[in-house]
Amino acid sequence: MGFLAIALGASGAHGGVHDKLKAAGELGHWETAVQYHLPHAVVLLVLTLFAGQNALLRKAWCLFLAGIVLFSGSLYVLAYTGVKWLGAVTPFGGLSFMIGWVLIALSAKGK
């Protein structure tokens, strides 16, 4: 996921993808997708290292993955293709991120 965030971020910042996004006025959506994708990819790595037998952290991992796919993924596709109905999917990814963070907090409280 980290590699993918960097690759997508770089493609949106340079070359043909950048030119297409800029011409369509969609560069902002792409940048927002990257801004949420990369830090949550790091969170996935940390959760992978520390989740162990902690069920809440394992659930948080799944929610962060879903958040990346739904939030960032829908914004990437929306920005590149112009398919506007994907904007209806994006909030579900944001909700997944928020619930994941709540589960991490609850996990820490339980210690």
PDB file of N, CA and C in Angstrom:
ATOM      1  N   MET A   1       0.815  -1.193   0.000  1.00  0.00           N
ATOM      2  CA  MET A   1       0.000   0.000   0.000  1.00  0.00           C
ATOM      3  C   MET A   1       0.863   1.264   0.000  1.00  0.00           C
ATOM      4  N   GLY A   2       1.961   1.219   0.713  1.00  0.00           N
ATOM      5  CA  GLY A   2       2.859   2.378   0.715  1.00  0.00           C
ATOM      6  C   GLY A   2       3.447   2.622  -0.659  1.00  0.00           C
ATOM      7  N   PHE A   3       3.894   1.544  -1.305  1.00  0.00           N
ATOM      8  CA  PHE A   3       4.428   1.660  -2.662  1.00  0.00           C
ATOM      9  C   PHE A   3       3.379   2.247  -3.597  1.00  0.00           C
ATOM     10  N   LEU A   4       2.157   1.748  -3.489  1.00  0.00           N
ATOM     11  CA  LEU A   4       1.074   2.218  -4.348  1.00  0.00           C
ATOM     12  C   LEU A   4       0.790   3.703  -4.110  1.00  0.00           C
ATOM     13  N   ALA A   5       0.816   4.132  -2.867  1.00  0.00           N
ATOM     14  CA  ALA A   5       0.584   5.548  -2.553  1.00  0.00           C
ATOM     15  C   ALA A   5       1.655   6.427  -3.184  1.00  0.00           C
ATOM     16  N   ILE A   6       2.906   5.997  -3.091  1.00  0.00           N
ATOM     17  CA  ILE A   6       4.004   6.773  -3.683  1.00  0.00           C
ATOM     18  C   ILE A   6       3.892   6.784  -5.198  1.00  0.00           C
ATOM     19  N   ALA A   7       3.615   5.624  -5.789  1.00  0.00           N
ATOM     20  CA  ALA A   7       3.513   5.535  -7.247  1.00  0.00           C
ATOM     21  C   ALA A   7       2.361   6.394  -7.771  1.00  0.00           C
ATOM     22  N   LEU A   8       1.217   6.324  -7.112  1.00  0.00           N
ATOM     23  CA  LEU A   8       0.076   7.129  -7.551  1.00  0.00           C
ATOM     24  C   LEU A   8       0.318   8.622  -7.306  1.00  0.00           C
ATOM     25  N   GLY A   9       0.942   8.929  -6.196  1.00  0.00           N
ATOM     26  CA  GLY A   9       1.266  10.328  -5.926  1.00  0.00           C
ATOM     27  C   GLY A   9       2.215  10.894  -6.962  1.00  0.00           C
ATOM     28  N   ALA A  10       3.229  10.129  -7.307  1.00  0.00           N
ATOM     29  CA  ALA A  10       4.196  10.580  -8.313  1.00  0.00           C
ATOM     30  C   ALA A  10       3.552  10.705  -9.692  1.00  0.00           C
ATOM     31  N   SER A  11       2.688   9.762 -10.036  1.00  0.00           N
ATOM     32  CA  SER A  11       2.057   9.830 -11.353  1.00  0.00           C
ATOM     33  C   SER A  11       1.105  11.018 -11.447  1.00  0.00           C
ATOM     34  N   GLY A  12       0.508  11.399 -10.329  1.00  0.00           N
ATOM     35  CA  GLY A  12      -0.356  12.568 -10.326  1.00  0.00           C
ATOM     36  C   GLY A  12       0.407  13.875 -10.310  1.00  0.00           C
ATOM     37  N   ALA A  13       1.686  13.814  -9.974  1.00  0.00           N
ATOM     38  CA  ALA A  13       2.499  15.021  -9.887  1.00  0.00           C
ATOM     39  C   ALA A  13       3.321  15.278 -11.145  1.00  0.00           C
ATOM     40  N   HIS A  14       3.466  14.277 -12.000  1.00  0.00           N
ATOM     41  CA  HIS A  14       4.342  14.395 -13.171  1.00  0.00           C
ATOM     42  C   HIS A  14       3.739  13.676 -14.374  1.00  0.00           C
ATOM     43  N   GLY A  15       4.078  14.130 -15.529  1.00  0.00           N
ATOM     44  CA  GLY A  15       3.798  13.397 -16.759  1.00  0.00           C
ATOM     45  C   GLY A  15       2.353  13.425 -17.214  1.00  0.00           C
ATOM     46  N   GLY A  16       2.001  12.382 -17.940  1.00  0.00           N
ATOM     47  CA  GLY A  16       0.708  12.310 -18.607  1.00  0.00           C
ATOM     48  C   GLY A  16      -0.481  12.297 -17.674  1.00  0.00           C
ATOM     49  N   VAL A  17      -0.379  11.563 -16.577  1.00  0.00           N
ATOM     50  CA  VAL A  17      -1.503  11.527 -15.627  1.00  0.00           C
ATOM     51  C   VAL A  17      -1.718  12.919 -15.049  1.00  0.00           C
ATOM     52  N   HIS A  18      -0.638  13.568 -14.665  1.00  0.00           N
ATOM     53  CA  HIS A  18      -0.737  14.929 -14.135  1.00  0.00           C
ATOM     54  C   HIS A  18      -1.397  15.853 -15.147  1.00  0.00           C
ATOM     55  N   ASP A  19      -0.949  15.783 -16.388  1.00  0.00           N
ATOM     56  CA  ASP A  19      -1.497  16.658 -17.427  1.00  0.00           C
ATOM     57  C   ASP A  19      -2.992  16.413 -17.618  1.00  0.00           C
ATOM     58  N   LYS A  20      -3.399  15.141 -17.616  1.00  0.00           N
ATOM     59  CA  LYS A  20      -4.820  14.804 -17.784  1.00  0.00           C
ATOM     60  C   LYS A  20      -5.642  15.332 -16.608  1.00  0.00           C
ATOM     61  N   LEU A  21      -5.146  15.117 -15.397  1.00  0.00           N
ATOM     62  CA  LEU A  21      -5.866  15.577 -14.205  1.00  0.00           C
ATOM     63  C   LEU A  21      -5.979  17.095 -14.169  1.00  0.00           C
ATOM     64  N   LYS A  22      -4.896  17.760 -14.513  1.00  0.00           N
ATOM     65  CA  LYS A  22      -4.899  19.224 -14.501  1.00  0.00           C
ATOM     66  C   LYS A  22      -5.872  19.766 -15.543  1.00  0.00           C
ATOM     67  N   ALA A  23      -5.856  19.192 -16.733  1.00  0.00           N
ATOM     68  CA  ALA A  23      -6.758  19.639 -17.798  1.00  0.00           C
ATOM     69  C   ALA A  23      -8.227  19.439 -17.416  1.00  0.00           C
ATOM     70  N   ALA A  24      -8.507  18.367 -16.676  1.00  0.00           N
ATOM     71  CA  ALA A  24      -9.884  18.069 -16.273  1.00  0.00           C
ATOM     72  C   ALA A  24     -10.286  18.796 -14.987  1.00  0.00           C
ATOM     73  N   GLY A  25      -9.343  19.504 -14.377  1.00  0.00           N
ATOM     74  CA  GLY A  25      -9.631  20.185 -13.115  1.00  0.00           C
ATOM     75  C   GLY A  25      -9.796  19.225 -11.948  1.00  0.00           C
ATOM     76  N   GLU A  26      -9.161  18.066 -12.032  1.00  0.00           N
ATOM     77  CA  GLU A  26      -9.332  17.010 -11.021  1.00  0.00           C
ATOM     78  C   GLU A  26      -8.081  16.765 -10.174  1.00  0.00           C
ATOM     79  N   LEU A  27      -7.088  17.613 -10.305  1.00  0.00           N
ATOM     80  CA  LEU A  27      -5.849  17.407  -9.554  1.00  0.00           C
ATOM     81  C   LEU A  27      -6.085  17.429  -8.043  1.00  0.00           C
ATOM     82  N   GLY A  28      -7.012  18.260  -7.584  1.00  0.00           N
ATOM     83  CA  GLY A  28      -7.312  18.341  -6.156  1.00  0.00           C
ATOM     84  C   GLY A  28      -7.842  17.041  -5.591  1.00  0.00           C
ATOM     85  N   HIS A  29      -8.727  16.378  -6.343  1.00  0.00           N
ATOM     86  CA  HIS A  29      -9.235  15.081  -5.879  1.00  0.00           C
ATOM     87  C   HIS A  29      -8.102  14.063  -5.769  1.00  0.00           C
ATOM     88  N   TRP A  30      -7.220  14.056  -6.755  1.00  0.00           N
ATOM     89  CA  TRP A  30      -6.094  13.115  -6.750  1.00  0.00           C
ATOM     90  C   TRP A  30      -5.198  13.381  -5.543  1.00  0.00           C
ATOM     91  N   GLU A  31      -4.898  14.650  -5.299  1.00  0.00           N
ATOM     92  CA  GLU A  31      -4.031  15.004  -4.180  1.00  0.00           C
ATOM     93  C   GLU A  31      -4.658  14.625  -2.841  1.00  0.00           C
ATOM     94  N   THR A  32      -5.963  14.813  -2.719  1.00  0.00           N
ATOM     95  CA  THR A  32      -6.648  14.413  -1.486  1.00  0.00           C
ATOM     96  C   THR A  32      -6.553  12.905  -1.294  1.00  0.00           C
ATOM     97  N   ALA A  33      -6.721  12.154  -2.366  1.00  0.00           N
ATOM     98  CA  ALA A  33      -6.613  10.692  -2.282  1.00  0.00           C
ATOM     99  C   ALA A  33      -5.240  10.282  -1.760  1.00  0.00           C
ATOM    100  N   VAL A  34      -4.197  10.905  -2.296  1.00  0.00           N
ATOM    101  CA  VAL A  34      -2.829  10.575  -1.869  1.00  0.00           C
ATOM    102  C   VAL A  34      -2.608  10.982  -0.417  1.00  0.00           C
ATOM    103  N   GLN A  35      -3.134  12.147  -0.023  1.00  0.00           N
ATOM    104  CA  GLN A  35      -2.935  12.643   1.346  1.00  0.00           C
ATOM    105  C   GLN A  35      -3.539  11.712   2.392  1.00  0.00           C
ATOM    106  N   TYR A  36      -4.580  11.013   2.050  1.00  0.00           N
ATOM    107  CA  TYR A  36      -5.176  10.046   2.980  1.00  0.00           C
ATOM    108  C   TYR A  36      -4.574   8.652   2.803  1.00  0.00           C
ATOM    109  N   HIS A  37      -4.192   8.306   1.599  1.00  0.00           N
ATOM    110  CA  HIS A  37      -3.675   6.974   1.305  1.00  0.00           C
ATOM    111  C   HIS A  37      -2.349   6.714   2.025  1.00  0.00           C
ATOM    112  N   LEU A  38      -1.384   7.613   1.842  1.00  0.00           N
ATOM    113  CA  LEU A  38      -0.043   7.350   2.362  1.00  0.00           C
ATOM    114  C   LEU A  38       0.020   7.207   3.883  1.00  0.00           C
ATOM    115  N   PRO A  39      -0.522   8.126   4.668  1.00  0.00           N
ATOM    116  CA  PRO A  39      -0.405   7.923   6.118  1.00  0.00           C
ATOM    117  C   PRO A  39      -1.155   6.684   6.608  1.00  0.00           C
ATOM    118  N   HIS A  40      -2.268   6.358   5.951  1.00  0.00           N
ATOM    119  CA  HIS A  40      -2.998   5.166   6.384  1.00  0.00           C
ATOM    120  C   HIS A  40      -2.283   3.887   5.952  1.00  0.00           C
ATOM    121  N   ALA A  41      -1.474   3.959   4.907  1.00  0.00           N
ATOM    122  CA  ALA A  41      -0.628   2.817   4.551  1.00  0.00           C
ATOM    123  C   ALA A  41       0.412   2.579   5.652  1.00  0.00           C
ATOM    124  N   VAL A  42       0.930   3.665   6.218  1.00  0.00           N
ATOM    125  CA  VAL A  42       1.881   3.543   7.333  1.00  0.00           C
ATOM    126  C   VAL A  42       1.175   2.947   8.547  1.00  0.00           C
ATOM    127  N   VAL A  43      -0.051   3.372   8.804  1.00  0.00           N
ATOM    128  CA  VAL A  43      -0.816   2.813   9.922  1.00  0.00           C
ATOM    129  C   VAL A  43      -1.023   1.309   9.713  1.00  0.00           C
ATOM    130  N   LEU A  44      -1.304   0.890   8.483  1.00  0.00           N
ATOM    131  CA  LEU A  44      -1.441  -0.550   8.206  1.00  0.00           C
ATOM    132  C   LEU A  44      -0.172  -1.293   8.603  1.00  0.00           C
ATOM    133  N   LEU A  45       0.986  -0.742   8.269  1.00  0.00           N
ATOM    134  CA  LEU A  45       2.256  -1.372   8.619  1.00  0.00           C
ATOM    135  C   LEU A  45       2.403  -1.483  10.133  1.00  0.00           C
ATOM    136  N   VAL A  46       2.129  -0.393  10.838  1.00  0.00           N
ATOM    137  CA  VAL A  46       2.254  -0.399  12.303  1.00  0.00           C
ATOM    138  C   VAL A  46       1.284  -1.404  12.916  1.00  0.00           C
ATOM    139  N   LEU A  47       0.053  -1.416  12.434  1.00  0.00           N
ATOM    140  CA  LEU A  47      -0.922  -2.372  12.967  1.00  0.00           C
ATOM    141  C   LEU A  47      -0.503  -3.806  12.677  1.00  0.00           C
ATOM    142  N   THR A  48       0.087  -4.038  11.523  1.00  0.00           N
ATOM    143  CA  THR A  48       0.578  -5.384  11.188  1.00  0.00           C
ATOM    144  C   THR A  48       1.636  -5.824  12.197  1.00  0.00           C
ATOM    145  N   LEU A  49       2.474  -4.890  12.599  1.00  0.00           N
ATOM    146  CA  LEU A  49       3.553  -5.218  13.539  1.00  0.00           C
ATOM    147  C   LEU A  49       3.056  -5.426  14.968  1.00  0.00           C
ATOM    148  N   PHE A  50       1.983  -4.731  15.359  1.00  0.00           N
ATOM    149  CA  PHE A  50       1.584  -4.726  16.763  1.00  0.00           C
ATOM    150  C   PHE A  50       0.235  -5.367  17.072  1.00  0.00           C
ATOM    151  N   ALA A  51      -0.521  -5.741  16.066  1.00  0.00           N
ATOM    152  CA  ALA A  51      -1.869  -6.254  16.334  1.00  0.00           C
ATOM    153  C   ALA A  51      -1.849  -7.558  17.112  1.00  0.00           C
ATOM    154  N   GLY A  52      -0.976  -8.479  16.730  1.00  0.00           N
ATOM    155  CA  GLY A  52      -0.878  -9.744  17.444  1.00  0.00           C
ATOM    156  C   GLY A  52      -2.226 -10.379  17.695  1.00  0.00           C
ATOM    157  N   GLN A  53      -2.535 -10.612  18.953  1.00  0.00           N
ATOM    158  CA  GLN A  53      -3.791 -11.247  19.341  1.00  0.00           C
ATOM    159  C   GLN A  53      -4.892 -10.232  19.665  1.00  0.00           C
ATOM    160  N   ASN A  54      -4.648  -8.963  19.373  1.00  0.00           N
ATOM    161  CA  ASN A  54      -5.608  -7.915  19.707  1.00  0.00           C
ATOM    162  C   ASN A  54      -6.673  -7.815  18.618  1.00  0.00           C
ATOM    163  N   ALA A  55      -7.871  -8.263  18.931  1.00  0.00           N
ATOM    164  CA  ALA A  55      -8.958  -8.303  17.952  1.00  0.00           C
ATOM    165  C   ALA A  55      -9.355  -6.905  17.479  1.00  0.00           C
ATOM    166  N   LEU A  56      -9.320  -5.922  18.373  1.00  0.00           N
ATOM    167  CA  LEU A  56      -9.693  -4.563  17.973  1.00  0.00           C
ATOM    168  C   LEU A  56      -8.709  -3.999  16.959  1.00  0.00           C
ATOM    169  N   LEU A  57      -7.431  -4.266  17.158  1.00  0.00           N
ATOM    170  CA  LEU A  57      -6.432  -3.776  16.212  1.00  0.00           C
ATOM    171  C   LEU A  57      -6.535  -4.494  14.869  1.00  0.00           C
ATOM    172  N   ARG A  58      -6.874  -5.766  14.895  1.00  0.00           N
ATOM    173  CA  ARG A  58      -7.074  -6.488  13.625  1.00  0.00           C
ATOM    174  C   ARG A  58      -8.280  -5.929  12.878  1.00  0.00           C
ATOM    175  N   LYS A  59      -9.340  -5.597  13.601  1.00  0.00           N
ATOM    176  CA  LYS A  59     -10.512  -4.977  12.964  1.00  0.00           C
ATOM    177  C   LYS A  59     -10.153  -3.600  12.432  1.00  0.00           C
ATOM    178  N   ALA A  60      -9.366  -2.851  13.195  1.00  0.00           N
ATOM    179  CA  ALA A  60      -8.932  -1.524  12.739  1.00  0.00           C
ATOM    180  C   ALA A  60      -8.137  -1.648  11.445  1.00  0.00           C
ATOM    181  N   TRP A  61      -7.274  -2.664  11.356  1.00  0.00           N
ATOM    182  CA  TRP A  61      -6.488  -2.896  10.135  1.00  0.00           C
ATOM    183  C   TRP A  61      -7.420  -3.072   8.940  1.00  0.00           C
ATOM    184  N   CYS A  62      -8.435  -3.897   9.109  1.00  0.00           N
ATOM    185  CA  CYS A  62      -9.399  -4.140   8.019  1.00  0.00           C
ATOM    186  C   CYS A  62     -10.132  -2.860   7.634  1.00  0.00           C
ATOM    187  N   LEU A  63     -10.488  -2.060   8.625  1.00  0.00           N
ATOM    188  CA  LEU A  63     -11.190  -0.810   8.345  1.00  0.00           C
ATOM    189  C   LEU A  63     -10.294   0.200   7.642  1.00  0.00           C
ATOM    190  N   PHE A  64      -9.023   0.247   8.008  1.00  0.00           N
ATOM    191  CA  PHE A  64      -8.104   1.151   7.315  1.00  0.00           C
ATOM    192  C   PHE A  64      -7.890   0.707   5.870  1.00  0.00           C
ATOM    193  N   LEU A  65      -7.787  -0.582   5.656  1.00  0.00           N
ATOM    194  CA  LEU A  65      -7.660  -1.074   4.279  1.00  0.00           C
ATOM    195  C   LEU A  65      -8.908  -0.712   3.477  1.00  0.00           C
ATOM    196  N   ALA A  66     -10.074  -0.944   4.070  1.00  0.00           N
ATOM    197  CA  ALA A  66     -11.325  -0.574   3.404  1.00  0.00           C
ATOM    198  C   ALA A  66     -11.365   0.932   3.155  1.00  0.00           C
ATOM    199  N   GLY A  67     -10.891   1.709   4.107  1.00  0.00           N
ATOM    200  CA  GLY A  67     -10.869   3.161   3.950  1.00  0.00           C
ATOM    201  C   GLY A  67     -10.002   3.605   2.786  1.00  0.00           C
ATOM    202  N   ILE A  68      -8.839   2.985   2.653  1.00  0.00           N
ATOM    203  CA  ILE A  68      -7.961   3.324   1.531  1.00  0.00           C
ATOM    204  C   ILE A  68      -8.642   2.998   0.207  1.00  0.00           C
ATOM    205  N   VAL A  69      -9.226   1.817   0.128  1.00  0.00           N
ATOM    206  CA  VAL A  69      -9.875   1.399  -1.116  1.00  0.00           C
ATOM    207  C   VAL A  69     -11.081   2.285  -1.424  1.00  0.00           C
ATOM    208  N   LEU A  70     -11.942   2.490  -0.426  1.00  0.00           N
ATOM    209  CA  LEU A  70     -13.174   3.236  -0.665  1.00  0.00           C
ATOM    210  C   LEU A  70     -12.941   4.741  -0.784  1.00  0.00           C
ATOM    211  N   PHE A  71     -12.173   5.313   0.124  1.00  0.00           N
ATOM    212  CA  PHE A  71     -11.961   6.757   0.106  1.00  0.00           C
ATOM    213  C   PHE A  71     -10.978   7.143  -0.994  1.00  0.00           C
ATOM    214  N   SER A  72      -9.738   6.716  -0.837  1.00  0.00           N
ATOM    215  CA  SER A  72      -8.730   7.097  -1.816  1.00  0.00           C
ATOM    216  C   SER A  72      -9.021   6.483  -3.178  1.00  0.00           C
ATOM    217  N   GLY A  73      -9.393   5.212  -3.183  1.00  0.00           N
ATOM    218  CA  GLY A  73      -9.666   4.543  -4.449  1.00  0.00           C
ATOM    219  C   GLY A  73     -10.764   5.222  -5.249  1.00  0.00           C
ATOM    220  N   SER A  74     -11.845   5.585  -4.578  1.00  0.00           N
ATOM    221  CA  SER A  74     -12.940   6.251  -5.305  1.00  0.00           C
ATOM    222  C   SER A  74     -12.495   7.616  -5.824  1.00  0.00           C
ATOM    223  N   LEU A  75     -11.672   8.323  -5.054  1.00  0.00           N
ATOM    224  CA  LEU A  75     -11.186   9.622  -5.520  1.00  0.00           C
ATOM    225  C   LEU A  75     -10.217   9.486  -6.685  1.00  0.00           C
ATOM    226  N   TYR A  76      -9.354   8.465  -6.644  1.00  0.00           N
ATOM    227  CA  TYR A  76      -8.444   8.241  -7.782  1.00  0.00           C
ATOM    228  C   TYR A  76      -9.246   7.990  -9.061  1.00  0.00           C
ATOM    229  N   VAL A  77     -10.220   7.099  -8.965  1.00  0.00           N
ATOM    230  CA  VAL A  77     -11.007   6.742 -10.147  1.00  0.00           C
ATOM    231  C   VAL A  77     -11.853   7.925 -10.602  1.00  0.00           C
ATOM    232  N   LEU A  78     -12.466   8.627  -9.662  1.00  0.00           N
ATOM    233  CA  LEU A  78     -13.255   9.810 -10.002  1.00  0.00           C
ATOM    234  C   LEU A  78     -12.385  10.840 -10.726  1.00  0.00           C
ATOM    235  N   ALA A  79     -11.208  11.116 -10.174  1.00  0.00           N
ATOM    236  CA  ALA A  79     -10.325  12.125 -10.760  1.00  0.00           C
ATOM    237  C   ALA A  79      -9.867  11.727 -12.157  1.00  0.00           C
ATOM    238  N   TYR A  80      -9.537  10.462 -12.330  1.00  0.00           N
ATOM    239  CA  TYR A  80      -8.980  10.020 -13.614  1.00  0.00           C
ATOM    240  C   TYR A  80     -10.047   9.835 -14.689  1.00  0.00           C
ATOM    241  N   THR A  81     -11.217   9.345 -14.287  1.00  0.00           N
ATOM    242  CA  THR A  81     -12.246   9.023 -15.282  1.00  0.00           C
ATOM    243  C   THR A  81     -13.344  10.068 -15.380  1.00  0.00           C
ATOM    244  N   GLY A  82     -13.510  10.864 -14.327  1.00  0.00           N
ATOM    245  CA  GLY A  82     -14.593  11.835 -14.316  1.00  0.00           C
ATOM    246  C   GLY A  82     -15.948  11.238 -13.956  1.00  0.00           C
ATOM    247  N   VAL A  83     -15.973   9.981 -13.508  1.00  0.00           N
ATOM    248  CA  VAL A  83     -17.222   9.321 -13.112  1.00  0.00           C
ATOM    249  C   VAL A  83     -17.642   9.887 -11.760  1.00  0.00           C
ATOM    250  N   LYS A  84     -18.588  10.789 -11.784  1.00  0.00           N
ATOM    251  CA  LYS A  84     -18.953  11.555 -10.592  1.00  0.00           C
ATOM    252  C   LYS A  84     -19.702  10.758  -9.523  1.00  0.00           C
ATOM    253  N   TRP A  85     -20.445   9.711  -9.896  1.00  0.00           N
ATOM    254  CA  TRP A  85     -21.211   8.977  -8.895  1.00  0.00           C
ATOM    255  C   TRP A  85     -20.293   8.302  -7.880  1.00  0.00           C
ATOM    256  N   LEU A  86     -19.019   8.154  -8.204  1.00  0.00           N
ATOM    257  CA  LEU A  86     -18.085   7.567  -7.240  1.00  0.00           C
ATOM    258  C   LEU A  86     -17.931   8.439  -5.994  1.00  0.00           C
ATOM    259  N   GLY A  87     -18.263   9.724  -6.125  1.00  0.00           N
ATOM    260  CA  GLY A  87     -18.229  10.595  -4.960  1.00  0.00           C
ATOM    261  C   GLY A  87     -19.152  10.116  -3.851  1.00  0.00           C
ATOM    262  N   ALA A  88     -20.167   9.327  -4.212  1.00  0.00           N
ATOM    263  CA  ALA A  88     -21.083   8.775  -3.202  1.00  0.00           C
ATOM    264  C   ALA A  88     -20.431   7.661  -2.390  1.00  0.00           C
ATOM    265  N   VAL A  89     -19.382   7.056  -2.918  1.00  0.00           N
ATOM    266  CA  VAL A  89     -18.670   5.968  -2.237  1.00  0.00           C
ATOM    267  C   VAL A  89     -17.664   6.529  -1.230  1.00  0.00           C
ATOM    268  N   THR A  90     -17.103   7.673  -1.548  1.00  0.00           N
ATOM    269  CA  THR A  90     -16.007   8.248  -0.760  1.00  0.00           C
ATOM    270  C   THR A  90     -16.320   8.372   0.735  1.00  0.00           C
ATOM    271  N   PRO A  91     -17.496   8.853   1.140  1.00  0.00           N
ATOM    272  CA  PRO A  91     -17.766   8.986   2.582  1.00  0.00           C
ATOM    273  C   PRO A  91     -17.715   7.665   3.346  1.00  0.00           C
ATOM    274  N   PHE A  92     -18.018   6.560   2.681  1.00  0.00           N
ATOM    275  CA  PHE A  92     -17.928   5.265   3.361  1.00  0.00           C
ATOM    276  C   PHE A  92     -16.483   4.943   3.717  1.00  0.00           C
ATOM    277  N   GLY A  93     -15.562   5.363   2.865  1.00  0.00           N
ATOM    278  CA  GLY A  93     -14.139   5.203   3.184  1.00  0.00           C
ATOM    279  C   GLY A  93     -13.735   6.070   4.347  1.00  0.00           C
ATOM    280  N   GLY A  94     -14.229   7.311   4.369  1.00  0.00           N
ATOM    281  CA  GLY A  94     -13.944   8.199   5.495  1.00  0.00           C
ATOM    282  C   GLY A  94     -14.485   7.645   6.795  1.00  0.00           C
ATOM    283  N   LEU A  95     -15.681   7.095   6.741  1.00  0.00           N
ATOM    284  CA  LEU A  95     -16.275   6.465   7.926  1.00  0.00           C
ATOM    285  C   LEU A  95     -15.438   5.267   8.381  1.00  0.00           C
ATOM    286  N   SER A  96     -14.935   4.500   7.444  1.00  0.00           N
ATOM    287  CA  SER A  96     -14.066   3.365   7.784  1.00  0.00           C
ATOM    288  C   SER A  96     -12.812   3.841   8.508  1.00  0.00           C
ATOM    289  N   PHE A  97     -12.207   4.928   8.001  1.00  0.00           N
ATOM    290  CA  PHE A  97     -11.036   5.488   8.678  1.00  0.00           C
ATOM    291  C   PHE A  97     -11.384   5.901  10.103  1.00  0.00           C
ATOM    292  N   MET A  98     -12.492   6.605  10.270  1.00  0.00           N
ATOM    293  CA  MET A  98     -12.872   7.108  11.594  1.00  0.00           C
ATOM    294  C   MET A  98     -13.129   5.961  12.578  1.00  0.00           C
ATOM    295  N   ILE A  99     -13.839   4.936  12.132  1.00  0.00           N
ATOM    296  CA  ILE A  99     -14.106   3.800  13.021  1.00  0.00           C
ATOM    297  C   ILE A  99     -12.805   3.090  13.368  1.00  0.00           C
ATOM    298  N   GLY A 100     -11.905   2.969  12.387  1.00  0.00           N
ATOM    299  CA  GLY A 100     -10.598   2.363  12.657  1.00  0.00           C
ATOM    300  C   GLY A 100      -9.843   3.098  13.742  1.00  0.00           C
ATOM    301  N   TRP A 101      -9.861   4.428  13.686  1.00  0.00           N
ATOM    302  CA  TRP A 101      -9.187   5.217  14.723  1.00  0.00           C
ATOM    303  C   TRP A 101      -9.850   5.036  16.088  1.00  0.00           C
ATOM    304  N   VAL A 102     -11.171   4.950  16.110  1.00  0.00           N
ATOM    305  CA  VAL A 102     -11.872   4.705  17.379  1.00  0.00           C
ATOM    306  C   VAL A 102     -11.468   3.353  17.957  1.00  0.00           C
ATOM    307  N   LEU A 103     -11.356   2.342  17.094  1.00  0.00           N
ATOM    308  CA  LEU A 103     -10.956   1.015  17.578  1.00  0.00           C
ATOM    309  C   LEU A 103      -9.542   1.027  18.143  1.00  0.00           C
ATOM    310  N   ILE A 104      -8.654   1.796  17.541  1.00  0.00           N
ATOM    311  CA  ILE A 104      -7.294   1.907  18.091  1.00  0.00           C
ATOM    312  C   ILE A 104      -7.355   2.549  19.478  1.00  0.00           C
ATOM    313  N   ALA A 105      -8.156   3.591  19.612  1.00  0.00           N
ATOM    314  CA  ALA A 105      -8.290   4.252  20.915  1.00  0.00           C
ATOM    315  C   ALA A 105      -8.876   3.294  21.959  1.00  0.00           C
ATOM    316  N   LEU A 106      -9.910   2.557  21.575  1.00  0.00           N
ATOM    317  CA  LEU A 106     -10.500   1.594  22.499  1.00  0.00           C
ATOM    318  C   LEU A 106      -9.509   0.495  22.877  1.00  0.00           C
ATOM    319  N   SER A 107      -8.714   0.093  21.931  1.00  0.00           N
ATOM    320  CA  SER A 107      -7.691  -0.925  22.193  1.00  0.00           C
ATOM    321  C   SER A 107      -6.679  -0.426  23.215  1.00  0.00           C
ATOM    322  N   ALA A 108      -6.256   0.825  23.061  1.00  0.00           N
ATOM    323  CA  ALA A 108      -5.284   1.397  23.993  1.00  0.00           C
ATOM    324  C   ALA A 108      -5.893   1.550  25.386  1.00  0.00           C
ATOM    325  N   LYS A 109      -7.168   1.878  25.452  1.00  0.00           N
ATOM    326  CA  LYS A 109      -7.855   2.052  26.738  1.00  0.00           C
ATOM    327  C   LYS A 109      -7.949   0.719  27.488  1.00  0.00           C
ATOM    328  N   GLY A 110      -8.072  -0.362  26.724  1.00  0.00           N
ATOM    329  CA  GLY A 110      -8.229  -1.679  27.331  1.00  0.00           C
ATOM    330  C   GLY A 110      -6.980  -2.228  27.969  1.00  0.00           C
ATOM    331  N   LYS A 111      -5.839  -1.574  27.753  1.00  0.00           N
ATOM    332  CA  LYS A 111      -4.574  -2.087  28.314  1.00  0.00           C
ATOM    333  C   LYS A 111      -4.373  -1.669  29.741  1.00  0.00           C
TER     334      LYS A 111
END
